[in-house]
Amino acid sequence: MLKLLDLFCCAGGAGMGYHLAGFDVTGVDIAPQPRYPFQFVQGDALEYLAAHGHEFDVIHASPPCQGYCKQTGMEYRGNHPKLIGEMQRMLRATGKPYVIENVEGARFALKHPVMLCGTMFNLPIQRHRFFEINPYPSALLPGCDHSGEIVYITGTPRPKFGPRKDPPADVKRAALGTPWMTIVDMDEAIPPAFTEWIGHQLQSALRQQLAS
């Protein structure tokens, strides 16, 4: 089984998708992650990558998004690290297939990013995420479609939106595909469907490399 390193793993939305695609997943995060579903190492992601990246077949990284996020006020963005450039340098140096994920505001920092939306996978959510995928995927996906009923997903309660736009936690978990997560875990979680699709693309690319 191919081994995948899940950096900045949080509660494991990305890791679950790769697991479903057939990878043996190890997660790393600076904060404790008691609900992470797979092998977990608490530590600095960049330090762990430098020391252990060579031990894995594929590496995924979701560096902090606050410095790129529209919801972070311009006056506060400088308080948050922007690590995409450093991640690109380090990941390319490993020679391994890799994925870097982030929010829409980071798309110009990513190389040829692929945008994924929940509606592309028949999920009732509008969560858009951008992925630099190396090697670039060969499969195509339909565009996103927000015309249907959409579940408002956030892990942070926002009473001002009212109950109609802030559904119960179980409804959010079902829509996101993360039944093990708390309401706070879901705030920035990647739907596992995203990385399950990416994982299958990477598996196919690796099989082609081995066959050539």
Protein backbone atom coordinates (compact mmCIF):
# COMPACT_ATOMS: atom_id res chain seq x y z
CA MET A 1 0.00 0.00 0.00
CA LEU A 2 1.32 3.43 -0.96
CA LYS A 3 2.15 5.74 1.95
CA LEU A 4 0.80 9.29 2.05
CA LEU A 5 1.95 12.10 4.33
CA ASP A 6 -0.85 14.50 5.31
CA LEU A 7 0.75 17.78 6.48
CA PHE A 8 -1.24 20.39 8.44
CA CYS A 9 -3.78 17.60 8.75
CA CYS A 10 -6.26 19.10 11.26
CA ALA A 11 -9.09 16.63 11.95
CA GLY A 12 -8.50 14.54 8.83
CA GLY A 13 -10.91 15.54 6.06
CA ALA A 14 -8.16 15.28 3.43
CA GLY A 15 -6.65 12.20 5.06
CA MET A 16 -9.96 10.33 4.95
CA GLY A 17 -10.29 10.93 1.22
CA TYR A 18 -6.82 9.55 0.56
CA HIS A 19 -7.58 6.57 2.80
CA LEU A 20 -10.70 5.84 0.74
CA ALA A 21 -8.54 6.03 -2.39
CA GLY A 22 -6.29 3.28 -0.99
CA PHE A 23 -3.41 5.09 0.74
CA ASP A 24 -1.81 4.36 4.11
CA VAL A 25 -2.13 7.81 5.71
CA THR A 26 -0.01 9.53 8.38
CA GLY A 27 -1.03 12.99 9.58
CA VAL A 28 1.11 15.76 11.06
CA ASP A 29 -0.14 18.89 12.81
CA ILE A 30 1.31 21.32 15.34
CA ALA A 31 -1.89 21.11 17.43
CA PRO A 32 -3.29 17.98 19.09
CA GLN A 33 -5.83 16.23 16.87
CA PRO A 34 -7.58 13.66 19.09
CA ARG A 35 -10.14 12.78 16.41
CA TYR A 36 -7.68 12.28 13.54
CA PRO A 37 -8.70 8.86 12.15
CA PHE A 38 -5.23 7.58 11.21
CA GLN A 39 -1.67 7.52 12.50
CA PHE A 40 -0.92 10.99 13.87
CA VAL A 41 2.27 12.86 14.76
CA GLN A 42 2.09 16.12 16.66
CA GLY A 43 4.84 18.41 15.45
CA ASP A 44 5.94 21.11 13.02
CA ALA A 45 4.90 20.13 9.49
CA LEU A 46 7.93 21.69 7.77
CA GLU A 47 10.38 20.05 10.15
CA TYR A 48 8.68 16.67 9.76
CA LEU A 49 8.71 17.00 5.97
CA ALA A 50 12.44 17.79 5.97
CA ALA A 51 13.22 14.81 8.21
CA HIS A 52 10.76 12.20 6.92
CA GLY A 53 9.38 13.25 3.54
CA HIS A 54 11.57 10.71 1.75
CA GLU A 55 9.76 7.89 3.58
CA PHE A 56 6.45 8.52 1.77
CA ASP A 57 5.19 7.92 -1.75
CA VAL A 58 2.92 10.99 -1.93
CA ILE A 59 2.74 14.18 0.15
CA HIS A 60 -0.30 16.39 0.73
CA ALA A 61 -0.04 19.80 2.42
CA SER A 62 -2.78 22.19 3.55
CA PRO A 63 -0.75 25.14 4.90
CA PRO A 64 -2.57 27.81 6.92
CA CYS A 65 -5.09 29.72 4.82
CA GLN A 66 -5.69 32.81 6.99
CA GLY A 67 -3.03 34.90 5.23
CA TYR A 68 -4.78 34.31 1.89
CA CYS A 69 -8.42 34.23 3.02
CA LYS A 70 -10.87 37.00 2.07
CA GLN A 71 -12.52 36.66 5.47
CA THR A 72 -9.27 37.74 7.14
CA GLY A 73 -9.17 41.53 7.23
CA MET A 74 -6.37 43.09 5.19
CA GLU A 75 -4.96 44.69 8.33
CA TYR A 76 -4.61 41.24 9.94
CA ARG A 77 -3.31 39.14 7.03
CA GLY A 78 0.26 40.08 7.84
CA ASN A 79 -0.16 38.37 11.21
CA HIS A 80 -0.51 34.98 9.52
CA PRO A 81 2.23 33.01 7.75
CA LYS A 82 2.10 32.48 3.99
CA LEU A 83 3.81 29.14 3.54
CA ILE A 84 2.84 28.10 0.01
CA GLY A 85 6.11 29.22 -1.57
CA GLU A 86 8.17 27.37 1.03
CA MET A 87 5.98 24.28 0.64
CA GLN A 88 6.44 24.32 -3.13
CA ARG A 89 10.23 24.51 -2.78
CA MET A 90 10.41 21.71 -0.23
CA LEU A 91 7.92 19.41 -1.97
CA ARG A 92 9.54 19.78 -5.38
CA ALA A 93 12.90 18.99 -3.80
CA THR A 94 11.57 15.61 -2.60
CA GLY A 95 10.87 14.47 -6.16
CA LYS A 96 7.63 12.92 -4.89
CA PRO A 97 4.11 13.44 -6.23
CA TYR A 98 2.48 16.13 -4.12
CA VAL A 99 -0.65 18.18 -3.53
CA ILE A 100 -0.93 21.67 -2.01
CA GLU A 101 -4.42 22.80 -0.98
CA ASN A 102 -5.69 26.23 -0.07
CA VAL A 103 -8.51 28.75 -0.39
CA GLU A 104 -9.52 30.83 -3.40
CA GLY A 105 -7.39 33.78 -2.29
CA ALA A 106 -4.27 31.63 -2.68
CA ARG A 107 -4.95 30.49 -6.23
CA PHE A 108 -2.36 32.85 -7.78
CA ALA A 109 0.32 31.42 -5.47
CA LEU A 110 -0.44 27.89 -6.69
CA LYS A 111 0.83 26.45 -9.98
CA HIS A 112 -2.03 25.58 -12.38
CA PRO A 113 -4.49 25.03 -9.52
CA VAL A 114 -7.54 22.80 -9.89
CA MET A 115 -10.70 24.16 -8.27
CA LEU A 116 -12.99 21.62 -6.62
CA CYS A 117 -16.49 22.32 -5.32
CA GLY A 118 -18.76 20.07 -3.31
CA THR A 119 -21.42 20.15 -6.01
CA MET A 120 -18.99 18.47 -8.44
CA PHE A 121 -19.29 15.40 -6.23
CA ASN A 122 -23.06 15.63 -5.62
CA LEU A 123 -22.49 17.12 -2.17
CA PRO A 124 -24.95 19.88 -1.17
CA ILE A 125 -22.18 22.33 -0.29
CA GLN A 126 -20.42 25.27 -1.99
CA ARG A 127 -17.02 24.81 -0.38
CA HIS A 128 -14.44 25.77 -3.04
CA ARG A 129 -10.83 24.70 -2.59
CA PHE A 130 -7.84 25.06 -4.92
CA PHE A 131 -5.24 22.32 -5.40
CA GLU A 132 -1.80 22.33 -6.97
CA ILE A 133 -1.49 18.70 -8.06
CA ASN A 134 1.78 17.22 -9.30
CA PRO A 135 1.48 15.33 -11.59
CA TYR A 136 -1.45 17.22 -13.04
CA PRO A 137 -4.62 15.09 -13.19
CA SER A 138 -5.76 13.77 -16.55
CA ALA A 139 -9.45 13.30 -15.65
CA LEU A 140 -12.04 16.04 -16.05
CA LEU A 141 -14.89 16.98 -13.73
CA PRO A 142 -18.14 18.83 -14.47
CA GLY A 143 -18.36 22.45 -13.41
CA CYS A 144 -19.94 23.30 -10.08
CA ASP A 145 -23.69 23.88 -9.91
CA HIS A 146 -25.14 25.94 -7.06
CA SER A 147 -28.72 25.86 -8.33
CA GLY A 148 -29.85 23.07 -5.99
CA GLU A 149 -30.46 23.10 -2.26
CA ILE A 150 -27.24 23.99 -0.46
CA VAL A 151 -26.34 23.23 3.15
CA TYR A 152 -24.55 26.11 4.85
CA ILE A 153 -21.34 24.58 6.25
CA THR A 154 -19.31 26.19 8.97
CA GLY A 155 -17.82 24.83 12.13
CA THR A 156 -18.22 28.18 13.86
CA PRO A 157 -21.79 28.99 14.97
CA ARG A 158 -23.04 32.22 13.44
CA PRO A 159 -26.41 33.00 15.03
CA LYS A 160 -26.95 36.12 12.92
CA PHE A 161 -27.68 33.88 9.91
CA GLY A 162 -30.56 32.22 11.74
CA PRO A 163 -31.49 28.55 11.96
CA ARG A 164 -32.41 28.18 8.30
CA LYS A 165 -28.85 28.90 7.20
CA ASP A 166 -27.11 27.28 10.15
CA PRO A 167 -28.41 23.67 10.19
CA PRO A 168 -27.76 21.15 12.97
CA ALA A 169 -24.29 19.64 13.29
CA ASP A 170 -25.44 16.21 12.05
CA VAL A 171 -26.78 17.76 8.85
CA LYS A 172 -23.43 19.50 8.31
CA ARG A 173 -21.50 16.29 8.98
CA ALA A 174 -23.59 14.38 6.45
CA ALA A 175 -23.24 17.11 3.81
CA LEU A 176 -19.47 17.35 4.26
CA GLY A 177 -18.95 13.59 4.64
CA THR A 178 -17.17 13.88 8.00
CA PRO A 179 -19.25 12.05 10.63
CA TRP A 180 -16.41 11.97 13.20
CA MET A 181 -15.85 15.75 13.32
CA THR A 182 -17.05 18.29 15.85
CA ILE A 183 -18.72 21.49 14.75
CA VAL A 184 -15.41 23.37 15.14
CA ASP A 185 -13.47 20.72 13.17
CA MET A 186 -15.73 21.36 10.18
CA ASP A 187 -14.88 25.06 9.95
CA GLU A 188 -12.06 24.59 7.43
CA ALA A 189 -12.30 20.86 6.68
CA ILE A 190 -11.78 19.49 3.20
CA PRO A 191 -14.61 17.18 2.08
CA PRO A 192 -13.06 13.68 1.79
CA ALA A 193 -14.65 13.38 -1.67
CA PHE A 194 -12.15 15.96 -2.96
CA THR A 195 -9.03 14.05 -1.97
CA GLU A 196 -10.54 10.67 -2.77
CA TRP A 197 -10.81 11.87 -6.37
CA ILE A 198 -7.29 13.36 -6.28
CA GLY A 199 -5.98 10.17 -4.68
CA HIS A 200 -7.32 8.06 -7.53
CA GLN A 201 -5.66 10.39 -10.05
CA LEU A 202 -2.34 10.04 -8.23
CA GLN A 203 -2.69 6.25 -7.99
CA SER A 204 -3.26 6.10 -11.74
CA ALA A 205 -0.25 8.34 -12.47
CA LEU A 206 2.01 6.25 -10.22
CA ARG A 207 0.89 3.01 -11.88
CA GLN A 208 1.69 4.52 -15.29
CA GLN A 209 5.15 5.55 -14.06
CA LEU A 210 5.85 2.04 -12.82
CA ALA A 211 4.67 0.52 -16.10
CA SER A 212 6.82 2.79 -18.29
